[in-house]
Amino acid sequence: MSEFNFNPDFVIDEEVEFKTLVSEYENGAEQRRRKWENPRRKWFLRFNTRVKTELVNIMNFFIDKSGAYQGFTWTNPNDGVEYFVRFAEDSLKFTLKAYEIYDLELRLIEVK
């Protein structure tokens, strides 16, 4: 079972990224070199209209992982695959919408 087991809202934004080094010569020709054999995935998760208890649980998980420092497992609801990921940022921002009701957004990056 995944360590990060909080259910985000849908839609989940997902990105697939390759790392390609492109060298352009003076005559306009290009040379390309793939720096990564496999793509890296990124996700943008939203947690809207959540009670304070859930916000505190997510914040405690974030603090336990020291932000972007330590990786963890997460199952992507889009494909059901478990990925080893980390938080993309070292800060976590949330918004108080009403009394003890919060919105929270965060980004995850696949760790290879």
N, C-alpha and C. Protein backbone atom coordinates (compact mmCIF):
# COMPACT_ATOMS: atom_id res chain seq x y z
N MET A 1 0.84 -1.19 0.00
CA MET A 1 0.00 0.00 0.00
C MET A 1 0.88 1.24 0.00
N SER A 2 0.45 2.25 -0.71
CA SER A 2 1.20 3.49 -0.83
C SER A 2 1.29 4.22 0.50
N GLU A 3 2.41 4.91 0.69
CA GLU A 3 2.57 5.72 1.90
C GLU A 3 1.66 6.95 1.86
N PHE A 4 1.65 7.63 0.72
CA PHE A 4 0.81 8.82 0.57
C PHE A 4 -0.55 8.35 0.06
N ASN A 5 -1.50 8.19 0.97
CA ASN A 5 -2.78 7.58 0.60
C ASN A 5 -3.95 8.56 0.74
N PHE A 6 -3.68 9.85 0.55
CA PHE A 6 -4.73 10.86 0.58
C PHE A 6 -5.34 10.96 -0.82
N ASN A 7 -6.65 11.04 -0.89
CA ASN A 7 -7.34 11.06 -2.19
C ASN A 7 -7.53 12.49 -2.68
N PRO A 8 -6.84 12.85 -3.77
CA PRO A 8 -7.00 14.19 -4.31
C PRO A 8 -8.30 14.31 -5.10
N ASP A 9 -8.67 15.55 -5.41
CA ASP A 9 -9.82 15.79 -6.27
C ASP A 9 -9.44 15.51 -7.71
N PHE A 10 -10.43 15.26 -8.52
CA PHE A 10 -10.20 15.15 -9.96
C PHE A 10 -10.55 16.50 -10.55
N VAL A 11 -9.84 17.02 -11.42
CA VAL A 11 -8.91 16.47 -12.37
C VAL A 11 -7.50 16.52 -11.76
N ILE A 12 -6.69 15.49 -12.07
CA ILE A 12 -5.28 15.46 -11.69
C ILE A 12 -4.48 15.80 -12.95
N ASP A 13 -3.69 16.88 -12.85
CA ASP A 13 -2.84 17.25 -13.98
C ASP A 13 -1.61 16.35 -13.97
N GLU A 14 -1.29 15.77 -15.12
CA GLU A 14 -0.15 14.86 -15.22
C GLU A 14 0.73 15.30 -16.38
N GLU A 15 2.03 15.22 -16.17
CA GLU A 15 2.99 15.66 -17.17
C GLU A 15 4.05 14.57 -17.35
N VAL A 16 4.44 14.32 -18.58
CA VAL A 16 5.52 13.37 -18.89
C VAL A 16 6.65 14.19 -19.50
N GLU A 17 7.85 14.04 -18.92
CA GLU A 17 8.97 14.90 -19.30
C GLU A 17 10.17 14.05 -19.73
N PHE A 18 10.79 14.43 -20.83
CA PHE A 18 12.06 13.87 -21.27
C PHE A 18 13.12 14.95 -21.12
N LYS A 19 14.36 14.54 -21.04
CA LYS A 19 15.48 15.48 -20.98
C LYS A 19 16.32 15.26 -22.22
N THR A 20 16.29 16.23 -23.15
CA THR A 20 17.01 16.14 -24.41
C THR A 20 17.97 17.32 -24.53
N LEU A 21 19.21 17.03 -24.83
CA LEU A 21 20.22 18.06 -25.04
C LEU A 21 20.26 18.35 -26.55
N VAL A 22 19.98 19.59 -26.93
CA VAL A 22 19.98 19.97 -28.34
C VAL A 22 21.12 20.94 -28.57
N SER A 23 22.04 20.59 -29.49
CA SER A 23 23.15 21.46 -29.87
C SER A 23 22.89 21.94 -31.29
N GLU A 24 22.89 23.25 -31.46
CA GLU A 24 22.66 23.83 -32.80
C GLU A 24 23.98 24.37 -33.32
N TYR A 25 24.31 23.99 -34.55
CA TYR A 25 25.54 24.43 -35.18
C TYR A 25 25.31 25.70 -35.98
N GLU A 26 26.41 26.36 -36.35
CA GLU A 26 26.31 27.63 -37.07
C GLU A 26 25.60 27.50 -38.41
N ASN A 27 25.67 26.34 -39.04
CA ASN A 27 25.00 26.15 -40.33
C ASN A 27 23.52 25.80 -40.18
N GLY A 28 23.02 25.78 -38.92
CA GLY A 28 21.61 25.51 -38.68
C GLY A 28 21.29 24.05 -38.37
N ALA A 29 22.26 23.18 -38.57
CA ALA A 29 22.05 21.76 -38.26
C ALA A 29 21.96 21.58 -36.74
N GLU A 30 21.24 20.54 -36.35
CA GLU A 30 21.09 20.24 -34.93
C GLU A 30 21.57 18.83 -34.64
N GLN A 31 22.09 18.67 -33.44
CA GLN A 31 22.42 17.35 -32.94
C GLN A 31 21.66 17.19 -31.62
N ARG A 32 21.00 16.05 -31.46
CA ARG A 32 20.22 15.81 -30.26
C ARG A 32 20.77 14.60 -29.51
N ARG A 33 20.74 14.72 -28.18
CA ARG A 33 21.18 13.61 -27.35
C ARG A 33 20.20 13.46 -26.19
N ARG A 34 19.74 12.25 -26.05
CA ARG A 34 18.79 11.95 -24.97
C ARG A 34 19.59 11.75 -23.68
N LYS A 35 19.27 12.58 -22.65
CA LYS A 35 19.98 12.47 -21.38
C LYS A 35 19.32 11.46 -20.45
N TRP A 36 18.02 11.23 -20.65
CA TRP A 36 17.30 10.25 -19.83
C TRP A 36 16.78 9.15 -20.75
N GLU A 37 16.95 7.92 -20.35
CA GLU A 37 16.44 6.79 -21.13
C GLU A 37 14.92 6.71 -21.04
N ASN A 38 14.38 7.00 -19.84
CA ASN A 38 12.94 6.91 -19.61
C ASN A 38 12.40 8.27 -19.17
N PRO A 39 11.14 8.53 -19.44
CA PRO A 39 10.57 9.82 -19.04
C PRO A 39 10.37 9.89 -17.53
N ARG A 40 10.25 11.12 -17.06
CA ARG A 40 9.91 11.36 -15.65
C ARG A 40 8.52 11.97 -15.63
N ARG A 41 7.72 11.56 -14.67
CA ARG A 41 6.35 12.03 -14.56
C ARG A 41 6.23 13.05 -13.43
N LYS A 42 5.27 13.97 -13.61
CA LYS A 42 4.95 14.98 -12.60
C LYS A 42 3.44 15.06 -12.48
N TRP A 43 2.96 15.36 -11.29
CA TRP A 43 1.52 15.48 -11.05
C TRP A 43 1.23 16.72 -10.23
N PHE A 44 0.08 17.32 -10.51
CA PHE A 44 -0.42 18.46 -9.75
C PHE A 44 -1.73 18.01 -9.11
N LEU A 45 -1.74 17.95 -7.78
CA LEU A 45 -2.90 17.44 -7.04
C LEU A 45 -3.60 18.57 -6.32
N ARG A 46 -4.93 18.49 -6.30
CA ARG A 46 -5.76 19.47 -5.60
C ARG A 46 -6.58 18.76 -4.53
N PHE A 47 -6.65 19.39 -3.39
CA PHE A 47 -7.47 18.91 -2.28
C PHE A 47 -8.36 20.08 -1.88
N ASN A 48 -9.56 20.12 -2.41
CA ASN A 48 -10.48 21.24 -2.16
C ASN A 48 -11.52 20.88 -1.13
N THR A 49 -11.90 21.88 -0.35
CA THR A 49 -12.95 21.76 0.66
C THR A 49 -12.68 20.57 1.59
N ARG A 50 -11.55 20.60 2.25
CA ARG A 50 -11.14 19.54 3.16
C ARG A 50 -11.22 20.04 4.60
N VAL A 51 -11.56 19.12 5.49
CA VAL A 51 -11.66 19.47 6.91
C VAL A 51 -10.25 19.61 7.50
N LYS A 52 -10.18 20.27 8.63
CA LYS A 52 -8.89 20.56 9.26
C LYS A 52 -8.11 19.29 9.58
N THR A 53 -8.79 18.23 9.99
CA THR A 53 -8.11 16.97 10.33
C THR A 53 -7.32 16.44 9.14
N GLU A 54 -7.92 16.44 7.96
CA GLU A 54 -7.23 15.95 6.76
C GLU A 54 -6.06 16.86 6.40
N LEU A 55 -6.27 18.17 6.50
CA LEU A 55 -5.18 19.12 6.24
C LEU A 55 -4.01 18.85 7.18
N VAL A 56 -4.28 18.68 8.45
CA VAL A 56 -3.22 18.42 9.44
C VAL A 56 -2.50 17.12 9.11
N ASN A 57 -3.22 16.09 8.70
CA ASN A 57 -2.59 14.81 8.34
C ASN A 57 -1.67 14.96 7.15
N ILE A 58 -2.09 15.70 6.12
CA ILE A 58 -1.24 15.94 4.95
C ILE A 58 -0.02 16.77 5.35
N MET A 59 -0.23 17.80 6.17
CA MET A 59 0.88 18.64 6.63
C MET A 59 1.88 17.82 7.44
N ASN A 60 1.40 16.95 8.31
CA ASN A 60 2.30 16.12 9.11
C ASN A 60 3.10 15.16 8.22
N PHE A 61 2.47 14.62 7.19
CA PHE A 61 3.18 13.77 6.23
C PHE A 61 4.27 14.57 5.53
N PHE A 62 3.93 15.79 5.09
CA PHE A 62 4.89 16.68 4.43
C PHE A 62 6.07 16.97 5.35
N ILE A 63 5.79 17.27 6.59
CA ILE A 63 6.85 17.57 7.57
C ILE A 63 7.69 16.33 7.84
N ASP A 64 7.05 15.18 7.94
CA ASP A 64 7.77 13.93 8.18
C ASP A 64 8.76 13.62 7.05
N LYS A 65 8.41 13.99 5.82
CA LYS A 65 9.27 13.75 4.67
C LYS A 65 10.25 14.91 4.43
N SER A 66 10.22 15.92 5.29
CA SER A 66 11.09 17.11 5.16
C SER A 66 10.91 17.78 3.80
N GLY A 67 9.67 17.94 3.41
CA GLY A 67 9.37 18.58 2.13
C GLY A 67 9.84 17.71 0.98
N ALA A 68 10.65 18.29 0.10
CA ALA A 68 11.13 17.60 -1.10
C ALA A 68 12.31 16.67 -0.83
N TYR A 69 12.75 16.58 0.41
CA TYR A 69 13.96 15.83 0.73
C TYR A 69 13.81 14.31 0.58
N GLN A 70 12.75 13.76 1.14
CA GLN A 70 12.62 12.30 1.20
C GLN A 70 11.48 11.81 0.30
N GLY A 71 11.73 10.75 -0.45
CA GLY A 71 10.73 10.17 -1.33
C GLY A 71 9.78 9.24 -0.60
N PHE A 72 8.71 8.87 -1.31
CA PHE A 72 7.68 7.99 -0.76
C PHE A 72 6.89 7.38 -1.91
N THR A 73 6.05 6.42 -1.60
CA THR A 73 5.24 5.79 -2.65
C THR A 73 3.86 6.43 -2.71
N TRP A 74 3.33 6.46 -3.92
CA TRP A 74 2.00 7.04 -4.16
C TRP A 74 1.39 6.31 -5.35
N THR A 75 0.11 5.95 -5.24
CA THR A 75 -0.59 5.30 -6.34
C THR A 75 -1.39 6.34 -7.11
N ASN A 76 -1.09 6.43 -8.40
CA ASN A 76 -1.75 7.38 -9.28
C ASN A 76 -3.17 6.89 -9.58
N PRO A 77 -4.20 7.66 -9.22
CA PRO A 77 -5.58 7.21 -9.50
C PRO A 77 -5.89 7.12 -10.99
N ASN A 78 -5.13 7.82 -11.83
CA ASN A 78 -5.39 7.79 -13.27
C ASN A 78 -5.07 6.43 -13.89
N ASP A 79 -3.99 5.80 -13.43
CA ASP A 79 -3.59 4.52 -14.05
C ASP A 79 -3.46 3.37 -13.05
N GLY A 80 -3.61 3.63 -11.75
CA GLY A 80 -3.53 2.58 -10.74
C GLY A 80 -2.13 2.08 -10.47
N VAL A 81 -1.10 2.77 -11.01
CA VAL A 81 0.29 2.35 -10.85
C VAL A 81 0.88 3.06 -9.63
N GLU A 82 1.65 2.31 -8.84
CA GLU A 82 2.34 2.90 -7.69
C GLU A 82 3.69 3.45 -8.15
N TYR A 83 3.96 4.71 -7.82
CA TYR A 83 5.20 5.39 -8.20
C TYR A 83 5.98 5.77 -6.95
N PHE A 84 7.30 5.84 -7.09
CA PHE A 84 8.14 6.40 -6.04
C PHE A 84 8.32 7.87 -6.39
N VAL A 85 7.88 8.76 -5.51
CA VAL A 85 7.81 10.19 -5.80
C VAL A 85 8.38 10.99 -4.63
N ARG A 86 8.46 12.29 -4.83
CA ARG A 86 8.78 13.25 -3.78
C ARG A 86 7.94 14.50 -4.01
N PHE A 87 7.84 15.33 -2.98
CA PHE A 87 7.19 16.62 -3.18
C PHE A 87 8.08 17.48 -4.06
N ALA A 88 7.49 18.27 -4.94
CA ALA A 88 8.26 19.11 -5.86
C ALA A 88 8.85 20.33 -5.17
N GLU A 89 8.18 20.82 -4.14
CA GLU A 89 8.63 22.01 -3.44
C GLU A 89 8.90 21.70 -1.97
N ASP A 90 9.65 22.60 -1.35
CA ASP A 90 9.92 22.49 0.08
C ASP A 90 8.93 23.27 0.92
N SER A 91 7.91 23.80 0.29
CA SER A 91 6.87 24.53 1.03
C SER A 91 5.50 23.99 0.65
N LEU A 92 4.57 24.12 1.58
CA LEU A 92 3.21 23.63 1.38
C LEU A 92 2.26 24.78 1.70
N LYS A 93 1.47 25.16 0.72
CA LYS A 93 0.57 26.30 0.88
C LYS A 93 -0.88 25.81 0.90
N PHE A 94 -1.66 26.34 1.82
CA PHE A 94 -3.08 26.00 1.90
C PHE A 94 -3.88 27.28 2.12
N THR A 95 -5.18 27.19 1.84
CA THR A 95 -6.08 28.34 1.93
C THR A 95 -7.25 27.99 2.84
N LEU A 96 -7.52 28.86 3.79
CA LEU A 96 -8.69 28.70 4.66
C LEU A 96 -9.89 29.28 3.92
N LYS A 97 -10.90 28.43 3.61
CA LYS A 97 -12.09 28.86 2.86
C LYS A 97 -13.24 29.26 3.78
N ALA A 98 -13.38 28.52 4.85
CA ALA A 98 -14.45 28.75 5.82
C ALA A 98 -13.93 28.18 7.13
N TYR A 99 -14.73 28.23 8.16
CA TYR A 99 -14.29 27.72 9.45
C TYR A 99 -13.87 26.26 9.34
N GLU A 100 -12.57 26.00 9.54
CA GLU A 100 -11.96 24.67 9.48
C GLU A 100 -12.20 23.94 8.17
N ILE A 101 -12.34 24.68 7.07
CA ILE A 101 -12.45 24.11 5.72
C ILE A 101 -11.32 24.72 4.89
N TYR A 102 -10.54 23.85 4.22
CA TYR A 102 -9.32 24.29 3.56
C TYR A 102 -9.23 23.79 2.12
N ASP A 103 -8.46 24.52 1.32
CA ASP A 103 -8.01 24.09 0.00
C ASP A 103 -6.50 23.94 0.06
N LEU A 104 -5.99 22.94 -0.64
CA LEU A 104 -4.56 22.66 -0.65
C LEU A 104 -4.19 22.14 -2.03
N GLU A 105 -3.05 22.60 -2.54
CA GLU A 105 -2.53 22.12 -3.81
C GLU A 105 -1.07 21.73 -3.62
N LEU A 106 -0.65 20.66 -4.30
CA LEU A 106 0.74 20.26 -4.22
C LEU A 106 1.17 19.55 -5.49
N ARG A 107 2.46 19.49 -5.69
CA ARG A 107 3.03 18.83 -6.86
C ARG A 107 3.90 17.67 -6.41
N LEU A 108 3.84 16.57 -7.17
CA LEU A 108 4.67 15.40 -6.95
C LEU A 108 5.53 15.17 -8.18
N ILE A 109 6.75 14.71 -7.97
CA ILE A 109 7.69 14.39 -9.06
C ILE A 109 8.17 12.97 -8.87
N GLU A 110 8.17 12.21 -9.94
CA GLU A 110 8.68 10.84 -9.90
C GLU A 110 10.18 10.85 -9.64
N VAL A 111 10.64 9.95 -8.78
CA VAL A 111 12.05 9.82 -8.46
C VAL A 111 12.55 8.55 -9.12
N LYS A 112 13.63 8.66 -9.84
CA LYS A 112 14.22 7.49 -10.53
C LYS A 112 15.34 6.90 -9.71
